[in-house]
Amino acid sequence: MVYPKLSGEEITQRGKKHYKNLRTQIETVENIGKIISINVETGDYEIGDDLLIISRRLQAKQSDAPIWAGRIGFNAVYAIGGTLMRIE
């Protein structure tokens, strides 16, 4: 069994930091609403419509990669019983 190298909180912090650094490049009209998965150790990322597919692409490069995911331009990937809020 492989144990995580980073806590969930640390993955979230690093993922948000990478996203913030990439924001001007990735928040384009064609990407708003798509999913981004980021390897928080390397900064590699994938953008697409399916979270599972793009996360698997990153893990194909590094099987134990700690992955953070977000919806480009929004505050959450999915909303259950609510609505997604656009971020500024």
N, C-alpha and C. Protein backbone atom coordinates (compact mmCIF):
# COMPACT_ATOMS: atom_id res chain seq x y z
N MET A 1 0.84 -1.18 0.00
CA MET A 1 0.00 0.00 0.00
C MET A 1 0.88 1.24 0.00
N VAL A 2 0.56 2.20 -0.85
CA VAL A 2 1.30 3.45 -0.94
C VAL A 2 0.62 4.47 -0.03
N TYR A 3 1.40 5.07 0.85
CA TYR A 3 0.86 6.08 1.75
C TYR A 3 1.11 7.47 1.17
N PRO A 4 0.16 8.36 1.34
CA PRO A 4 0.31 9.70 0.77
C PRO A 4 1.53 10.42 1.35
N LYS A 5 2.23 11.10 0.47
CA LYS A 5 3.38 11.89 0.91
C LYS A 5 2.95 13.21 1.52
N LEU A 6 1.78 13.70 1.10
CA LEU A 6 1.27 14.99 1.56
C LEU A 6 -0.12 14.80 2.15
N SER A 7 -0.45 15.64 3.12
CA SER A 7 -1.81 15.61 3.68
C SER A 7 -2.78 16.23 2.67
N GLY A 8 -4.06 15.97 2.84
CA GLY A 8 -5.07 16.57 1.98
C GLY A 8 -5.02 18.08 2.02
N GLU A 9 -4.77 18.62 3.22
CA GLU A 9 -4.68 20.08 3.37
C GLU A 9 -3.50 20.65 2.59
N GLU A 10 -2.37 19.96 2.63
CA GLU A 10 -1.19 20.44 1.92
C GLU A 10 -1.38 20.34 0.40
N ILE A 11 -2.05 19.28 -0.05
CA ILE A 11 -2.34 19.15 -1.48
C ILE A 11 -3.23 20.31 -1.93
N THR A 12 -4.25 20.63 -1.12
CA THR A 12 -5.14 21.74 -1.44
C THR A 12 -4.38 23.06 -1.49
N GLN A 13 -3.54 23.32 -0.51
CA GLN A 13 -2.78 24.57 -0.48
C GLN A 13 -1.87 24.70 -1.69
N ARG A 14 -1.15 23.63 -1.99
CA ARG A 14 -0.23 23.66 -3.13
C ARG A 14 -0.99 23.78 -4.46
N GLY A 15 -2.11 23.05 -4.56
CA GLY A 15 -2.91 23.10 -5.78
C GLY A 15 -3.43 24.49 -6.05
N LYS A 16 -3.94 25.14 -5.01
CA LYS A 16 -4.46 26.51 -5.16
C LYS A 16 -3.34 27.48 -5.51
N LYS A 17 -2.17 27.26 -4.96
CA LYS A 17 -1.02 28.13 -5.28
C LYS A 17 -0.63 27.97 -6.75
N HIS A 18 -0.54 26.73 -7.23
CA HIS A 18 -0.23 26.49 -8.64
C HIS A 18 -1.29 27.13 -9.53
N TYR A 19 -2.58 26.93 -9.16
CA TYR A 19 -3.68 27.50 -9.95
C TYR A 19 -3.54 29.02 -10.04
N LYS A 20 -3.26 29.64 -8.91
CA LYS A 20 -3.11 31.11 -8.88
C LYS A 20 -1.99 31.55 -9.83
N ASN A 21 -0.89 30.81 -9.84
CA ASN A 21 0.24 31.16 -10.72
C ASN A 21 -0.09 30.94 -12.20
N LEU A 22 -0.97 29.98 -12.49
CA LEU A 22 -1.34 29.65 -13.87
C LEU A 22 -2.56 30.43 -14.36
N ARG A 23 -3.24 31.10 -13.46
CA ARG A 23 -4.56 31.67 -13.72
C ARG A 23 -4.64 32.49 -15.01
N THR A 24 -3.69 33.37 -15.25
CA THR A 24 -3.76 34.23 -16.44
C THR A 24 -3.61 33.41 -17.73
N GLN A 25 -2.93 32.29 -17.67
CA GLN A 25 -2.74 31.44 -18.85
C GLN A 25 -3.96 30.55 -19.11
N ILE A 26 -4.59 30.06 -18.04
CA ILE A 26 -5.63 29.04 -18.22
C ILE A 26 -7.06 29.57 -18.22
N GLU A 27 -7.30 30.73 -17.61
CA GLU A 27 -8.66 31.25 -17.56
C GLU A 27 -8.99 32.00 -18.85
N THR A 28 -9.08 31.24 -19.92
CA THR A 28 -9.45 31.78 -21.23
C THR A 28 -10.92 31.46 -21.49
N VAL A 29 -11.50 32.14 -22.45
CA VAL A 29 -12.91 31.93 -22.77
C VAL A 29 -13.20 30.45 -23.05
N GLU A 30 -12.32 29.80 -23.80
CA GLU A 30 -12.56 28.40 -24.14
C GLU A 30 -12.36 27.44 -22.97
N ASN A 31 -11.65 27.85 -21.92
CA ASN A 31 -11.41 26.97 -20.78
C ASN A 31 -12.36 27.18 -19.60
N ILE A 32 -13.05 28.31 -19.52
CA ILE A 32 -13.93 28.57 -18.38
C ILE A 32 -14.96 27.44 -18.27
N GLY A 33 -15.04 26.87 -17.08
CA GLY A 33 -15.96 25.77 -16.82
C GLY A 33 -15.35 24.39 -16.98
N LYS A 34 -14.18 24.30 -17.60
CA LYS A 34 -13.51 23.00 -17.74
C LYS A 34 -12.81 22.66 -16.43
N ILE A 35 -12.36 21.42 -16.32
CA ILE A 35 -11.67 20.93 -15.13
C ILE A 35 -10.17 21.01 -15.36
N ILE A 36 -9.44 21.40 -14.32
CA ILE A 36 -7.98 21.34 -14.34
C ILE A 36 -7.52 20.42 -13.22
N SER A 37 -6.61 19.52 -13.54
CA SER A 37 -5.96 18.67 -12.54
C SER A 37 -4.49 19.04 -12.54
N ILE A 38 -3.95 19.24 -11.35
CA ILE A 38 -2.55 19.68 -11.21
C ILE A 38 -1.80 18.70 -10.32
N ASN A 39 -0.64 18.25 -10.79
CA ASN A 39 0.28 17.49 -9.96
C ASN A 39 0.97 18.53 -9.08
N VAL A 40 0.68 18.51 -7.79
CA VAL A 40 1.17 19.58 -6.91
C VAL A 40 2.66 19.49 -6.63
N GLU A 41 3.30 18.39 -6.97
CA GLU A 41 4.75 18.29 -6.80
C GLU A 41 5.50 18.88 -7.98
N THR A 42 5.01 18.63 -9.19
CA THR A 42 5.74 19.05 -10.39
C THR A 42 5.15 20.28 -11.06
N GLY A 43 3.88 20.56 -10.82
CA GLY A 43 3.21 21.67 -11.49
C GLY A 43 2.63 21.29 -12.83
N ASP A 44 2.86 20.03 -13.28
CA ASP A 44 2.24 19.56 -14.52
C ASP A 44 0.73 19.62 -14.36
N TYR A 45 0.02 19.91 -15.45
CA TYR A 45 -1.43 19.97 -15.37
C TYR A 45 -2.07 19.50 -16.66
N GLU A 46 -3.33 19.13 -16.55
CA GLU A 46 -4.16 18.73 -17.68
C GLU A 46 -5.48 19.46 -17.56
N ILE A 47 -6.05 19.85 -18.69
CA ILE A 47 -7.34 20.52 -18.73
C ILE A 47 -8.26 19.70 -19.62
N GLY A 48 -9.50 19.53 -19.17
CA GLY A 48 -10.47 18.79 -19.97
C GLY A 48 -11.86 18.86 -19.36
N ASP A 49 -12.75 18.05 -19.90
CA ASP A 49 -14.14 18.03 -19.43
C ASP A 49 -14.41 16.93 -18.42
N ASP A 50 -13.54 15.94 -18.33
CA ASP A 50 -13.77 14.78 -17.47
C ASP A 50 -12.65 14.66 -16.44
N LEU A 51 -13.01 14.83 -15.18
CA LEU A 51 -12.03 14.80 -14.08
C LEU A 51 -11.24 13.50 -14.05
N LEU A 52 -11.91 12.38 -14.21
CA LEU A 52 -11.25 11.08 -14.13
C LEU A 52 -10.22 10.91 -15.24
N ILE A 53 -10.58 11.29 -16.45
CA ILE A 53 -9.67 11.13 -17.59
C ILE A 53 -8.42 11.99 -17.43
N ILE A 54 -8.60 13.26 -17.08
CA ILE A 54 -7.41 14.13 -17.00
C ILE A 54 -6.55 13.78 -15.79
N SER A 55 -7.14 13.32 -14.70
CA SER A 55 -6.34 12.90 -13.54
C SER A 55 -5.55 11.64 -13.87
N ARG A 56 -6.15 10.74 -14.62
CA ARG A 56 -5.43 9.51 -15.02
C ARG A 56 -4.27 9.83 -15.94
N ARG A 57 -4.42 10.85 -16.80
CA ARG A 57 -3.30 11.26 -17.67
C ARG A 57 -2.10 11.69 -16.83
N LEU A 58 -2.37 12.47 -15.78
CA LEU A 58 -1.27 12.91 -14.91
C LEU A 58 -0.67 11.74 -14.16
N GLN A 59 -1.50 10.83 -13.68
CA GLN A 59 -0.99 9.69 -12.93
C GLN A 59 -0.27 8.69 -13.82
N ALA A 60 -0.52 8.72 -15.12
CA ALA A 60 0.23 7.87 -16.04
C ALA A 60 1.69 8.31 -16.10
N LYS A 61 1.92 9.59 -15.90
CA LYS A 61 3.29 10.13 -15.89
C LYS A 61 3.99 9.85 -14.57
N GLN A 62 3.23 9.86 -13.46
CA GLN A 62 3.77 9.63 -12.12
C GLN A 62 2.66 8.98 -11.30
N SER A 63 2.76 7.67 -11.10
CA SER A 63 1.66 6.91 -10.51
C SER A 63 1.27 7.35 -9.10
N ASP A 64 2.22 7.87 -8.34
CA ASP A 64 1.91 8.29 -6.97
C ASP A 64 1.74 9.81 -6.85
N ALA A 65 1.42 10.45 -7.97
CA ALA A 65 1.29 11.91 -8.00
C ALA A 65 0.16 12.40 -7.11
N PRO A 66 0.45 13.39 -6.26
CA PRO A 66 -0.63 14.03 -5.50
C PRO A 66 -1.33 15.03 -6.41
N ILE A 67 -2.61 14.80 -6.68
CA ILE A 67 -3.36 15.58 -7.66
C ILE A 67 -4.38 16.48 -6.96
N TRP A 68 -4.42 17.73 -7.37
CA TRP A 68 -5.47 18.67 -6.94
C TRP A 68 -6.27 19.01 -8.19
N ALA A 69 -7.59 19.14 -8.03
CA ALA A 69 -8.44 19.46 -9.18
C ALA A 69 -9.36 20.62 -8.85
N GLY A 70 -9.68 21.38 -9.88
CA GLY A 70 -10.60 22.50 -9.73
C GLY A 70 -11.34 22.76 -11.04
N ARG A 71 -12.42 23.52 -10.97
CA ARG A 71 -13.14 23.93 -12.18
C ARG A 71 -12.66 25.33 -12.52
N ILE A 72 -12.15 25.51 -13.71
CA ILE A 72 -11.56 26.78 -14.12
C ILE A 72 -12.61 27.89 -14.08
N GLY A 73 -12.28 28.92 -13.29
CA GLY A 73 -13.14 30.09 -13.18
C GLY A 73 -14.25 29.96 -12.14
N PHE A 74 -14.30 28.83 -11.42
CA PHE A 74 -15.35 28.62 -10.43
C PHE A 74 -14.76 28.24 -9.08
N ASN A 75 -15.60 28.30 -8.04
CA ASN A 75 -15.14 28.05 -6.68
C ASN A 75 -15.12 26.58 -6.30
N ALA A 76 -15.68 25.70 -7.12
CA ALA A 76 -15.72 24.27 -6.81
C ALA A 76 -15.79 23.47 -8.10
N VAL A 77 -15.46 22.18 -8.02
CA VAL A 77 -15.54 21.32 -9.19
C VAL A 77 -17.00 20.98 -9.47
N TYR A 78 -17.73 20.58 -8.41
CA TYR A 78 -19.13 20.21 -8.55
C TYR A 78 -19.94 20.89 -7.46
N ALA A 79 -21.24 21.05 -7.71
CA ALA A 79 -22.15 21.60 -6.70
C ALA A 79 -23.28 20.60 -6.49
N ILE A 80 -23.51 20.23 -5.25
CA ILE A 80 -24.60 19.32 -4.90
C ILE A 80 -25.61 20.13 -4.11
N GLY A 81 -26.79 20.28 -4.65
CA GLY A 81 -27.83 21.04 -3.95
C GLY A 81 -27.57 22.53 -3.90
N GLY A 82 -26.72 23.02 -4.77
CA GLY A 82 -26.41 24.45 -4.79
C GLY A 82 -25.97 24.85 -6.18
N THR A 83 -25.31 25.97 -6.26
CA THR A 83 -24.82 26.42 -7.56
C THR A 83 -23.34 26.74 -7.47
N LEU A 84 -22.67 26.61 -8.59
CA LEU A 84 -21.26 26.99 -8.65
C LEU A 84 -21.18 28.50 -8.73
N MET A 85 -20.20 29.07 -8.05
CA MET A 85 -20.01 30.51 -8.04
C MET A 85 -18.77 30.86 -8.85
N ARG A 86 -18.90 31.82 -9.76
CA ARG A 86 -17.74 32.29 -10.53
C ARG A 86 -16.81 33.05 -9.61
N ILE A 87 -15.52 32.86 -9.79
CA ILE A 87 -14.53 33.61 -9.02
C ILE A 87 -14.00 34.75 -9.87
N GLU A 88 -13.60 35.78 -9.22
CA GLU A 88 -13.05 36.94 -9.93
C GLU A 88 -11.57 36.99 -9.71
